[in-house]
Amino acid sequence: MRRREFLGTLVGGASAWPFVVRAQKAPLRIGFLSAGSSASAFSAYANDAIKQAFADGGLVEARDYLFDVRYAAGNYERFPELARELARR
């Protein structure tokens, strides 16, 4: 009888393992480079629209993804530097 209990527990635990691993997955970091500034109404609208699209897809910020925005404030030459900064994170 003990052998059946052990095998049942082993099989049950093995079948639940993918769900445990999936539940402990770290959130994805999504980097976004913006040509605007952080104080711009359009930038706030764009960020909210992107986050709403993720929410509509069933994703929850901080649980499923981290949204990391860098602003160039009209200085397009900063894009390579900002991209490297996002890549380091």
C-alpha atoms as a PDB file:
ATOM      1  CA  MET A   1       0.000   0.000   0.000  1.00  0.00           C
ATOM      2  CA  ARG A   2       2.841   2.406   0.773  1.00  0.00           C
ATOM      3  CA  ARG A   3       4.293   1.911  -2.671  1.00  0.00           C
ATOM      4  CA  ARG A   4       1.048   3.050  -4.356  1.00  0.00           C
ATOM      5  CA  GLU A   5       0.853   6.119  -2.122  1.00  0.00           C
ATOM      6  CA  PHE A   6       4.441   7.007  -2.935  1.00  0.00           C
ATOM      7  CA  LEU A   7       3.933   6.574  -6.679  1.00  0.00           C
ATOM      8  CA  GLY A   8       0.701   8.580  -6.552  1.00  0.00           C
ATOM      9  CA  THR A   9       2.447  11.417  -4.771  1.00  0.00           C
ATOM     10  CA  LEU A  10       5.383  11.274  -7.166  1.00  0.00           C
ATOM     11  CA  VAL A  11       3.168  11.346 -10.266  1.00  0.00           C
ATOM     12  CA  GLY A  12       0.961  14.082  -8.792  1.00  0.00           C
ATOM     13  CA  GLY A  13       3.961  16.237  -7.946  1.00  0.00           C
ATOM     14  CA  ALA A  14       5.543  15.716 -11.350  1.00  0.00           C
ATOM     15  CA  SER A  15       2.347  16.678 -13.142  1.00  0.00           C
ATOM     16  CA  ALA A  16       2.041  19.885 -11.069  1.00  0.00           C
ATOM     17  CA  TRP A  17       5.671  20.895 -11.626  1.00  0.00           C
ATOM     18  CA  PRO A  18       5.102  22.833 -14.897  1.00  0.00           C
ATOM     19  CA  PHE A  19       2.462  24.965 -13.151  1.00  0.00           C
ATOM     20  CA  VAL A  20       4.811  25.752 -10.257  1.00  0.00           C
ATOM     21  CA  VAL A  21       7.601  26.739 -12.642  1.00  0.00           C
ATOM     22  CA  ARG A  22       5.229  28.900 -14.693  1.00  0.00           C
ATOM     23  CA  ALA A  23       3.930  30.595 -11.546  1.00  0.00           C
ATOM     24  CA  GLN A  24       7.450  31.529 -10.409  1.00  0.00           C
ATOM     25  CA  LYS A  25       8.527  33.000 -13.747  1.00  0.00           C
ATOM     26  CA  ALA A  26      10.113  36.440 -13.460  1.00  0.00           C
ATOM     27  CA  PRO A  27       8.285  39.232 -15.264  1.00  0.00           C
ATOM     28  CA  LEU A  28       9.551  40.244 -18.697  1.00  0.00           C
ATOM     29  CA  ARG A  29      11.161  43.658 -18.994  1.00  0.00           C
ATOM     30  CA  ILE A  30       9.778  45.625 -21.929  1.00  0.00           C
ATOM     31  CA  GLY A  31      11.889  48.582 -22.955  1.00  0.00           C
ATOM     32  CA  PHE A  32      10.393  51.504 -24.832  1.00  0.00           C
ATOM     33  CA  LEU A  33      12.322  54.392 -26.367  1.00  0.00           C
ATOM     34  CA  SER A  34      10.344  57.603 -26.774  1.00  0.00           C
ATOM     35  CA  ALA A  35      11.373  60.636 -28.798  1.00  0.00           C
ATOM     36  CA  GLY A  36       9.234  62.846 -26.534  1.00  0.00           C
ATOM     37  CA  SER A  37       9.681  63.954 -22.968  1.00  0.00           C
ATOM     38  CA  SER A  38       8.325  62.426 -19.796  1.00  0.00           C
ATOM     39  CA  ALA A  39       6.262  65.581 -19.128  1.00  0.00           C
ATOM     40  CA  SER A  40       4.512  65.442 -22.507  1.00  0.00           C
ATOM     41  CA  ALA A  41       0.774  64.675 -22.551  1.00  0.00           C
ATOM     42  CA  PHE A  42       1.275  62.586 -25.687  1.00  0.00           C
ATOM     43  CA  SER A  43       3.950  60.465 -23.988  1.00  0.00           C
ATOM     44  CA  ALA A  44       1.617  59.822 -21.054  1.00  0.00           C
ATOM     45  CA  TYR A  45      -1.193  58.908 -23.470  1.00  0.00           C
ATOM     46  CA  ALA A  46       1.079  56.568 -25.474  1.00  0.00           C
ATOM     47  CA  ASN A  47       2.350  54.827 -22.331  1.00  0.00           C
ATOM     48  CA  ASP A  48      -1.201  54.381 -21.032  1.00  0.00           C
ATOM     49  CA  ALA A  49      -2.345  53.028 -24.402  1.00  0.00           C
ATOM     50  CA  ILE A  50       0.474  50.468 -24.491  1.00  0.00           C
ATOM     51  CA  LYS A  51      -0.239  49.350 -20.925  1.00  0.00           C
ATOM     52  CA  GLN A  52      -3.960  49.101 -21.699  1.00  0.00           C
ATOM     53  CA  ALA A  53      -3.210  46.910 -24.720  1.00  0.00           C
ATOM     54  CA  PHE A  54      -1.165  44.593 -22.502  1.00  0.00           C
ATOM     55  CA  ALA A  55      -4.004  44.538 -19.940  1.00  0.00           C
ATOM     56  CA  ASP A  56      -6.498  43.729 -22.691  1.00  0.00           C
ATOM     57  CA  GLY A  57      -4.279  40.767 -23.533  1.00  0.00           C
ATOM     58  CA  GLY A  58      -4.472  39.564 -19.940  1.00  0.00           C
ATOM     59  CA  LEU A  59      -1.060  40.787 -18.792  1.00  0.00           C
ATOM     60  CA  VAL A  60      -0.607  42.481 -15.437  1.00  0.00           C
ATOM     61  CA  GLU A  61       2.166  45.029 -14.941  1.00  0.00           C
ATOM     62  CA  ALA A  62       4.757  44.026 -12.315  1.00  0.00           C
ATOM     63  CA  ARG A  63       3.479  40.433 -12.362  1.00  0.00           C
ATOM     64  CA  ASP A  64       3.845  39.560 -16.055  1.00  0.00           C
ATOM     65  CA  TYR A  65       5.951  42.442 -17.346  1.00  0.00           C
ATOM     66  CA  LEU A  66       7.913  45.527 -16.316  1.00  0.00           C
ATOM     67  CA  PHE A  67       7.483  48.560 -18.573  1.00  0.00           C
ATOM     68  CA  ASP A  68      10.722  50.534 -18.727  1.00  0.00           C
ATOM     69  CA  VAL A  69      10.573  53.804 -20.705  1.00  0.00           C
ATOM     70  CA  ARG A  70      13.452  56.064 -21.707  1.00  0.00           C
ATOM     71  CA  TYR A  71      12.818  59.537 -23.126  1.00  0.00           C
ATOM     72  CA  ALA A  72      15.058  61.289 -25.632  1.00  0.00           C
ATOM     73  CA  ALA A  73      13.222  64.633 -25.239  1.00  0.00           C
ATOM     74  CA  GLY A  74      13.648  65.431 -28.925  1.00  0.00           C
ATOM     75  CA  ASN A  75      17.368  64.619 -28.925  1.00  0.00           C
ATOM     76  CA  TYR A  76      17.537  61.692 -31.363  1.00  0.00           C
ATOM     77  CA  GLU A  77      21.293  61.327 -30.880  1.00  0.00           C
ATOM     78  CA  ARG A  78      20.523  59.956 -27.388  1.00  0.00           C
ATOM     79  CA  PHE A  79      18.768  56.853 -28.762  1.00  0.00           C
ATOM     80  CA  PRO A  80      21.911  54.643 -28.879  1.00  0.00           C
ATOM     81  CA  GLU A  81      22.820  55.603 -25.298  1.00  0.00           C
ATOM     82  CA  LEU A  82      19.262  55.016 -24.071  1.00  0.00           C
ATOM     83  CA  ALA A  83      19.077  51.668 -25.887  1.00  0.00           C
ATOM     84  CA  ARG A  84      22.327  50.529 -24.239  1.00  0.00           C
ATOM     85  CA  GLU A  85      20.939  51.579 -20.855  1.00  0.00           C
ATOM     86  CA  LEU A  86      17.794  49.518 -21.423  1.00  0.00           C
ATOM     87  CA  ALA A  87      19.835  46.540 -22.600  1.00  0.00           C
ATOM     88  CA  ARG A  88      21.970  46.651 -19.435  1.00  0.00           C
ATOM     89  CA  ARG A  89      18.842  46.509 -17.272  1.00  0.00           C
END
